[in-house]
PDB file of N, CA and C in Angstrom:
ATOM      1  N   MET A   1     231.579  19.610  46.030  1.00  0.00           N
ATOM      2  CA  MET A   1     230.465  19.649  45.106  1.00  0.00           C
ATOM      3  C   MET A   1     230.443  20.981  44.357  1.00  0.00           C
ATOM      4  N   VAL A   2     230.639  22.073  45.077  1.00  0.00           N
ATOM      5  CA  VAL A   2     230.633  23.393  44.453  1.00  0.00           C
ATOM      6  C   VAL A   2     231.803  23.530  43.486  1.00  0.00           C
ATOM      7  N   ILE A   3     232.946  22.998  43.880  1.00  0.00           N
ATOM      8  CA  ILE A   3     234.127  23.066  43.018  1.00  0.00           C
ATOM      9  C   ILE A   3     233.871  22.317  41.724  1.00  0.00           C
ATOM     10  N   ILE A   4     233.243  21.168  41.810  1.00  0.00           N
ATOM     11  CA  ILE A   4     232.943  20.387  40.611  1.00  0.00           C
ATOM     12  C   ILE A   4     231.991  21.159  39.713  1.00  0.00           C
ATOM     13  N   LEU A   5     230.979  21.802  40.289  1.00  0.00           N
ATOM     14  CA  LEU A   5     230.039  22.583  39.488  1.00  0.00           C
ATOM     15  C   LEU A   5     230.746  23.742  38.796  1.00  0.00           C
ATOM     16  N   GLU A   6     231.669  24.397  39.491  1.00  0.00           N
ATOM     17  CA  GLU A   6     232.429  25.482  38.876  1.00  0.00           C
ATOM     18  C   GLU A   6     233.298  24.955  37.740  1.00  0.00           C
ATOM     19  N   GLN A   7     233.909  23.795  37.942  1.00  0.00           N
ATOM     20  CA  GLN A   7     234.720  23.195  36.885  1.00  0.00           C
ATOM     21  C   GLN A   7     233.860  22.879  35.673  1.00  0.00           C
ATOM     22  N   ILE A   8     232.685  22.344  35.905  1.00  0.00           N
ATOM     23  CA  ILE A   8     231.783  22.008  34.804  1.00  0.00           C
ATOM     24  C   ILE A   8     231.393  23.267  34.042  1.00  0.00           C
ATOM     25  N   GLU A   9     231.075  24.336  34.754  1.00  0.00           N
ATOM     26  CA  GLU A   9     230.700  25.589  34.092  1.00  0.00           C
ATOM     27  C   GLU A   9     231.852  26.144  33.255  1.00  0.00           C
ATOM     28  N   ILE A  10     233.054  26.084  33.785  1.00  0.00           N
ATOM     29  CA  ILE A  10     234.224  26.559  33.040  1.00  0.00           C
ATOM     30  C   ILE A  10     234.429  25.712  31.791  1.00  0.00           C
ATOM     31  N   LEU A  11     234.336  24.399  31.939  1.00  0.00           N
ATOM     32  CA  LEU A  11     234.510  23.512  30.789  1.00  0.00           C
ATOM     33  C   LEU A  11     233.410  23.715  29.756  1.00  0.00           C
ATOM     34  N   GLN A  12     232.185  23.980  30.198  1.00  0.00           N
ATOM     35  CA  GLN A  12     231.094  24.234  29.255  1.00  0.00           C
ATOM     36  C   GLN A  12     231.318  25.537  28.490  1.00  0.00           C
ATOM     37  N   ASP A  13     231.836  26.554  29.164  1.00  0.00           N
ATOM     38  CA  ASP A  13     232.176  27.803  28.469  1.00  0.00           C
ATOM     39  C   ASP A  13     233.265  27.560  27.433  1.00  0.00           C
ATOM     40  N   LEU A  14     234.275  26.806  27.823  1.00  0.00           N
ATOM     41  CA  LEU A  14     235.354  26.475  26.899  1.00  0.00           C
ATOM     42  C   LEU A  14     234.827  25.650  25.730  1.00  0.00           C
ATOM     43  N   LEU A  15     233.912  24.747  26.004  1.00  0.00           N
ATOM     44  CA  LEU A  15     233.304  23.933  24.953  1.00  0.00           C
ATOM     45  C   LEU A  15     232.582  24.815  23.936  1.00  0.00           C
ATOM     46  N   GLN A  16     231.811  25.788  24.409  1.00  0.00           N
ATOM     47  CA  GLN A  16     231.110  26.700  23.499  1.00  0.00           C
ATOM     48  C   GLN A  16     232.097  27.505  22.657  1.00  0.00           C
ATOM     49  N   TYR A  17     233.191  27.916  23.260  1.00  0.00           N
ATOM     50  CA  TYR A  17     234.233  28.641  22.531  1.00  0.00           C
ATOM     51  C   TYR A  17     234.822  27.763  21.427  1.00  0.00           C
ATOM     52  N   ARG A  18     235.123  26.516  21.766  1.00  0.00           N
ATOM     53  CA  ARG A  18     235.691  25.592  20.777  1.00  0.00           C
ATOM     54  C   ARG A  18     234.702  25.310  19.643  1.00  0.00           C
ATOM     55  N   ILE A  19     233.430  25.185  19.979  1.00  0.00           N
ATOM     56  CA  ILE A  19     232.407  24.940  18.959  1.00  0.00           C
ATOM     57  C   ILE A  19     232.313  26.134  18.010  1.00  0.00           C
ATOM     58  N   SER A  20     232.363  27.340  18.549  1.00  0.00           N
ATOM     59  CA  SER A  20     232.305  28.523  17.680  1.00  0.00           C
ATOM     60  C   SER A  20     233.541  28.601  16.785  1.00  0.00           C
ATOM     61  N   ASN A  21     234.704  28.196  17.301  1.00  0.00           N
ATOM     62  CA  ASN A  21     235.908  28.137  16.467  1.00  0.00           C
ATOM     63  C   ASN A  21     235.730  27.140  15.333  1.00  0.00           C
ATOM     64  N   GLU A  22     235.202  25.975  15.651  1.00  0.00           N
ATOM     65  CA  GLU A  22     234.989  24.957  14.619  1.00  0.00           C
ATOM     66  C   GLU A  22     234.038  25.473  13.543  1.00  0.00           C
ATOM     67  N   MET A  23     232.981  26.149  13.957  1.00  0.00           N
ATOM     68  CA  MET A  23     232.030  26.702  12.992  1.00  0.00           C
ATOM     69  C   MET A  23     232.714  27.736  12.094  1.00  0.00           C
ATOM     70  N   PHE A  24     233.568  28.564  12.674  1.00  0.00           N
ATOM     71  CA  PHE A  24     234.303  29.551  11.885  1.00  0.00           C
ATOM     72  C   PHE A  24     235.178  28.859  10.839  1.00  0.00           C
ATOM     73  N   TYR A  25     235.899  27.831  11.249  1.00  0.00           N
ATOM     74  CA  TYR A  25     236.772  27.125  10.308  1.00  0.00           C
ATOM     75  C   TYR A  25     235.960  26.450   9.208  1.00  0.00           C
ATOM     76  N   ASN A  26     234.820  25.880   9.548  1.00  0.00           N
ATOM     77  CA  ASN A  26     233.962  25.267   8.534  1.00  0.00           C
ATOM     78  C   ASN A  26     233.457  26.305   7.539  1.00  0.00           C
ATOM     79  N   GLU A  27     233.021  27.456   8.042  1.00  0.00           N
ATOM     80  CA  GLU A  27     232.544  28.522   7.156  1.00  0.00           C
ATOM     81  C   GLU A  27     233.676  29.043   6.280  1.00  0.00           C
ATOM     82  N   SER A  28     234.862  29.121   6.820  1.00  0.00           N
ATOM     83  CA  SER A  28     236.014  29.589   6.053  1.00  0.00           C
ATOM     84  C   SER A  28     236.363  28.609   4.943  1.00  0.00           C
ATOM     85  N   LEU A  29     236.201  27.337   5.209  1.00  0.00           N
ATOM     86  CA  LEU A  29     236.496  26.326   4.187  1.00  0.00           C
ATOM     87  C   LEU A  29     235.606  26.479   2.966  1.00  0.00           C
ATOM     88  N   ILE A  30     234.404  26.972   3.162  1.00  0.00           N
ATOM     89  CA  ILE A  30     233.474  27.146   2.047  1.00  0.00           C
ATOM     90  C   ILE A  30     233.977  28.216   1.083  1.00  0.00           C
ATOM     91  N   SER A  31     234.530  29.294   1.613  1.00  0.00           N
ATOM     92  CA  SER A  31     234.909  30.427   0.764  1.00  0.00           C
ATOM     93  C   SER A  31     236.372  30.415   0.309  1.00  0.00           C
ATOM     94  N   VAL A  32     237.224  29.669   0.972  1.00  0.00           N
ATOM     95  CA  VAL A  32     238.654  29.673   0.634  1.00  0.00           C
ATOM     96  C   VAL A  32     238.902  28.756  -0.555  1.00  0.00           C
ATOM     97  N   ARG A  33     239.634  29.286  -1.535  1.00  0.00           N
ATOM     98  CA  ARG A  33     239.951  28.499  -2.738  1.00  0.00           C
ATOM     99  C   ARG A  33     241.398  28.003  -2.748  1.00  0.00           C
ATOM    100  N   ASN A  34     242.267  28.696  -2.065  1.00  0.00           N
ATOM    101  CA  ASN A  34     243.677  28.335  -2.032  1.00  0.00           C
ATOM    102  C   ASN A  34     243.827  26.987  -1.326  1.00  0.00           C
ATOM    103  N   PRO A  35     244.412  25.979  -2.012  1.00  0.00           N
ATOM    104  CA  PRO A  35     244.533  24.639  -1.417  1.00  0.00           C
ATOM    105  C   PRO A  35     245.340  24.611  -0.114  1.00  0.00           C
ATOM    106  N   GLU A  36     246.395  25.409  -0.035  1.00  0.00           N
ATOM    107  CA  GLU A  36     247.197  25.424   1.190  1.00  0.00           C
ATOM    108  C   GLU A  36     246.412  26.036   2.349  1.00  0.00           C
ATOM    109  N   ALA A  37     245.674  27.088   2.067  1.00  0.00           N
ATOM    110  CA  ALA A  37     244.852  27.712   3.110  1.00  0.00           C
ATOM    111  C   ALA A  37     243.738  26.760   3.543  1.00  0.00           C
ATOM    112  N   ARG A  38     243.150  26.054   2.572  1.00  0.00           N
ATOM    113  CA  ARG A  38     242.112  25.072   2.905  1.00  0.00           C
ATOM    114  C   ARG A  38     242.674  23.986   3.818  1.00  0.00           C
ATOM    115  N   GLN A  39     243.895  23.568   3.527  1.00  0.00           N
ATOM    116  CA  GLN A  39     244.528  22.538   4.349  1.00  0.00           C
ATOM    117  C   GLN A  39     244.737  23.044   5.781  1.00  0.00           C
ATOM    118  N   VAL A  40     245.136  24.299   5.913  1.00  0.00           N
ATOM    119  CA  VAL A  40     245.333  24.883   7.248  1.00  0.00           C
ATOM    120  C   VAL A  40     244.007  24.928   8.001  1.00  0.00           C
ATOM    121  N   PHE A  41     242.947  25.426   7.339  1.00  0.00           N
ATOM    122  CA  PHE A  41     241.639  25.498   7.992  1.00  0.00           C
ATOM    123  C   PHE A  41     241.098  24.107   8.326  1.00  0.00           C
ATOM    124  N   THR A  42     241.361  23.146   7.460  1.00  0.00           N
ATOM    125  CA  THR A  42     240.920  21.775   7.729  1.00  0.00           C
ATOM    126  C   THR A  42     241.625  21.219   8.964  1.00  0.00           C
ATOM    127  N   GLN A  43     242.921  21.451   9.057  1.00  0.00           N
ATOM    128  CA  GLN A  43     243.680  20.976  10.218  1.00  0.00           C
ATOM    129  C   GLN A  43     243.203  21.653  11.503  1.00  0.00           C
ATOM    130  N   LEU A  44     242.978  22.959  11.428  1.00  0.00           N
ATOM    131  CA  LEU A  44     242.486  23.686  12.604  1.00  0.00           C
ATOM    132  C   LEU A  44     241.111  23.174  13.023  1.00  0.00           C
ATOM    133  N   ARG A  45     240.243  22.935  12.043  1.00  0.00           N
ATOM    134  CA  ARG A  45     238.912  22.409  12.347  1.00  0.00           C
ATOM    135  C   ARG A  45     239.005  21.036  12.998  1.00  0.00           C
ATOM    136  N   ASP A  46     239.855  20.178  12.445  1.00  0.00           N
ATOM    137  CA  ASP A  46     240.007  18.834  13.003  1.00  0.00           C
ATOM    138  C   ASP A  46     240.563  18.881  14.430  1.00  0.00           C
ATOM    139  N   ASP A  47     241.491  19.800  14.674  1.00  0.00           N
ATOM    140  CA  ASP A  47     242.022  19.975  16.035  1.00  0.00           C
ATOM    141  C   ASP A  47     240.917  20.403  16.992  1.00  0.00           C
ATOM    142  N   GLU A  48     240.070  21.325  16.542  1.00  0.00           N
ATOM    143  CA  GLU A  48     238.952  21.779  17.378  1.00  0.00           C
ATOM    144  C   GLU A  48     237.983  20.631  17.646  1.00  0.00           C
ATOM    145  N   MET A  49     237.728  19.813  16.636  1.00  0.00           N
ATOM    146  CA  MET A  49     236.806  18.684  16.813  1.00  0.00           C
ATOM    147  C   MET A  49     237.335  17.715  17.866  1.00  0.00           C
ATOM    148  N   ARG A  50     238.636  17.447  17.836  1.00  0.00           N
ATOM    149  CA  ARG A  50     239.225  16.563  18.849  1.00  0.00           C
ATOM    150  C   ARG A  50     239.119  17.189  20.241  1.00  0.00           C
ATOM    151  N   ALA A  51     239.352  18.484  20.320  1.00  0.00           N
ATOM    152  CA  ALA A  51     239.246  19.179  21.609  1.00  0.00           C
ATOM    153  C   ALA A  51     237.808  19.160  22.117  1.00  0.00           C
ATOM    154  N   ILE A  52     236.847  19.293  21.214  1.00  0.00           N
ATOM    155  CA  ILE A  52     235.427  19.268  21.588  1.00  0.00           C
ATOM    156  C   ILE A  52     235.058  17.915  22.176  1.00  0.00           C
ATOM    157  N   VAL A  53     235.479  16.858  21.518  1.00  0.00           N
ATOM    158  CA  VAL A  53     235.181  15.512  22.012  1.00  0.00           C
ATOM    159  C   VAL A  53     235.805  15.305  23.391  1.00  0.00           C
ATOM    160  N   SER A  54     237.045  15.733  23.545  1.00  0.00           N
ATOM    161  CA  SER A  54     237.734  15.588  24.830  1.00  0.00           C
ATOM    162  C   SER A  54     237.024  16.371  25.932  1.00  0.00           C
ATOM    163  N   LEU A  55     236.630  17.599  25.646  1.00  0.00           N
ATOM    164  CA  LEU A  55     235.916  18.409  26.638  1.00  0.00           C
ATOM    165  C   LEU A  55     234.576  17.790  27.009  1.00  0.00           C
ATOM    166  N   GLN A  56     233.857  17.291  26.003  1.00  0.00           N
ATOM    167  CA  GLN A  56     232.569  16.655  26.285  1.00  0.00           C
ATOM    168  C   GLN A  56     232.748  15.445  27.193  1.00  0.00           C
ATOM    169  N   GLN A  57     233.801  14.678  26.959  1.00  0.00           N
ATOM    170  CA  GLN A  57     234.064  13.515  27.805  1.00  0.00           C
ATOM    171  C   GLN A  57     234.405  13.938  29.234  1.00  0.00           C
ATOM    172  N   LYS A  58     235.195  14.994  29.383  1.00  0.00           N
ATOM    173  CA  LYS A  58     235.536  15.488  30.726  1.00  0.00           C
ATOM    174  C   LYS A  58     234.294  15.972  31.457  1.00  0.00           C
ATOM    175  N   ILE A  59     233.442  16.699  30.750  1.00  0.00           N
ATOM    176  CA  ILE A  59     232.203  17.195  31.358  1.00  0.00           C
ATOM    177  C   ILE A  59     231.326  16.025  31.782  1.00  0.00           C
ATOM    178  N   ASP A  60     231.202  15.037  30.914  1.00  0.00           N
ATOM    179  CA  ASP A  60     230.389  13.853  31.242  1.00  0.00           C
ATOM    180  C   ASP A  60     230.930  13.138  32.475  1.00  0.00           C
ATOM    181  N   ARG A  61     232.256  12.991  32.556  1.00  0.00           N
ATOM    182  CA  ARG A  61     232.856  12.327  33.723  1.00  0.00           C
ATOM    183  C   ARG A  61     232.583  13.108  35.001  1.00  0.00           C
ATOM    184  N   LEU A  62     232.741  14.415  34.938  1.00  0.00           N
ATOM    185  CA  LEU A  62     232.493  15.236  36.129  1.00  0.00           C
ATOM    186  C   LEU A  62     231.028  15.179  36.543  1.00  0.00           C
ATOM    187  N   GLN A  63     230.129  15.213  35.567  1.00  0.00           N
ATOM    188  CA  GLN A  63     228.707  15.175  35.889  1.00  0.00           C
ATOM    189  C   GLN A  63     228.306  13.822  36.453  1.00  0.00           C
ATOM    190  N   SER A  64     228.885  12.755  35.940  1.00  0.00           N
ATOM    191  CA  SER A  64     228.529  11.433  36.460  1.00  0.00           C
ATOM    192  C   SER A  64     229.143  11.207  37.843  1.00  0.00           C
ATOM    193  N   SER A  65     230.317  11.765  38.084  1.00  0.00           N
ATOM    194  CA  SER A  65     230.938  11.600  39.400  1.00  0.00           C
ATOM    195  C   SER A  65     230.235  12.443  40.449  1.00  0.00           C
ATOM    196  N   GLU A  66     229.532  13.466  40.007  1.00  0.00           N
ATOM    197  CA  GLU A  66     228.778  14.308  40.921  1.00  0.00           C
ATOM    198  C   GLU A  66     227.792  13.478  41.733  1.00  0.00           C
ATOM    199  N   GLY A  67     227.103  12.579  41.067  1.00  0.00           N
ATOM    200  CA  GLY A  67     226.121  11.742  41.744  1.00  0.00           C
ATOM    201  C   GLY A  67     226.759  10.793  42.740  1.00  0.00           C
ATOM    202  N   ILE A  68     227.884  10.233  42.398  1.00  0.00           N
ATOM    203  CA  ILE A  68     228.571   9.288  43.269  1.00  0.00           C
ATOM    204  C   ILE A  68     229.040   9.987  44.544  1.00  0.00           C
ATOM    205  N   ILE A  69     229.642  11.141  44.395  1.00  0.00           N
ATOM    206  CA  ILE A  69     230.156  11.872  45.557  1.00  0.00           C
ATOM    207  C   ILE A  69     229.023  12.282  46.481  1.00  0.00           C
ATOM    208  N   SER A  70     227.935  12.756  45.905  1.00  0.00           N
ATOM    209  CA  SER A  70     226.822  13.187  46.760  1.00  0.00           C
ATOM    210  C   SER A  70     226.187  12.005  47.484  1.00  0.00           C
ATOM    211  N   LYS A  71     226.294  10.808  46.921  1.00  0.00           N
ATOM    212  CA  LYS A  71     225.776   9.620  47.610  1.00  0.00           C
ATOM    213  C   LYS A  71     226.708   9.211  48.756  1.00  0.00           C
ATOM    214  N   LEU A  72     228.004   9.338  48.533  1.00  0.00           N
ATOM    215  CA  LEU A  72     228.971   8.964  49.562  1.00  0.00           C
ATOM    216  C   LEU A  72     229.043   9.992  50.687  1.00  0.00           C
ATOM    217  N   PHE A  73     228.951  11.263  50.322  1.00  0.00           N
ATOM    218  CA  PHE A  73     229.057  12.352  51.295  1.00  0.00           C
ATOM    219  C   PHE A  73     227.852  13.278  51.170  1.00  0.00           C
ATOM    220  N   PRO A  74     226.718  12.858  51.674  1.00  0.00           N
ATOM    221  CA  PRO A  74     225.525  13.703  51.548  1.00  0.00           C
ATOM    222  C   PRO A  74     225.673  14.996  52.343  1.00  0.00           C
ATOM    223  N   LEU A  75     225.005  16.035  51.856  1.00  0.00           N
ATOM    224  CA  LEU A  75     225.068  17.323  52.547  1.00  0.00           C
ATOM    225  C   LEU A  75     224.326  17.277  53.873  1.00  0.00           C
ATOM    226  N   ARG A  76     223.252  16.515  53.922  1.00  0.00           N
ATOM    227  CA  ARG A  76     222.491  16.377  55.165  1.00  0.00           C
ATOM    228  C   ARG A  76     222.892  15.080  55.855  1.00  0.00           C
ATOM    229  N   PRO A  77     223.099  15.122  57.144  1.00  0.00           N
ATOM    230  CA  PRO A  77     223.464  13.880  57.851  1.00  0.00           C
ATOM    231  C   PRO A  77     222.293  12.899  57.859  1.00  0.00           C
ATOM    232  N   ARG A  78     222.641  11.632  57.780  1.00  0.00           N
ATOM    233  CA  ARG A  78     221.611  10.587  57.843  1.00  0.00           C
ATOM    234  C   ARG A  78     221.115  10.440  59.268  1.00  0.00           C
ATOM    235  N   ILE A  79     219.835  10.215  59.411  1.00  0.00           N
ATOM    236  CA  ILE A  79     219.244  10.074  60.753  1.00  0.00           C
ATOM    237  C   ILE A  79     218.850   8.635  60.995  1.00  0.00           C
TER     238      ILE A  79
END
C-alpha cells in the first residue's frame, strides 16, 4: 500500500512537470513566427499531451487498484 502511494506521488510530480512543459510549448507557439520552429513546438506539445494522458491513466489505475488491494488484504485482521 505504501509503495503504491509513493508511486502515485512520483507520477503526480511527473504529471505536473509534463503539464508545465505543455504550457511552455503553448506559450511559445503564440510568439514564434518561424513555421519550422512552430512545427517543432507543436510536435513537442503534442508529445507532452500524449504523455499527460498516459500518466493520468496510470495514476487512475493505481488509485483504483488501491481500494481492491486494501479490501483483499486489510491492515487490521478481521475478527
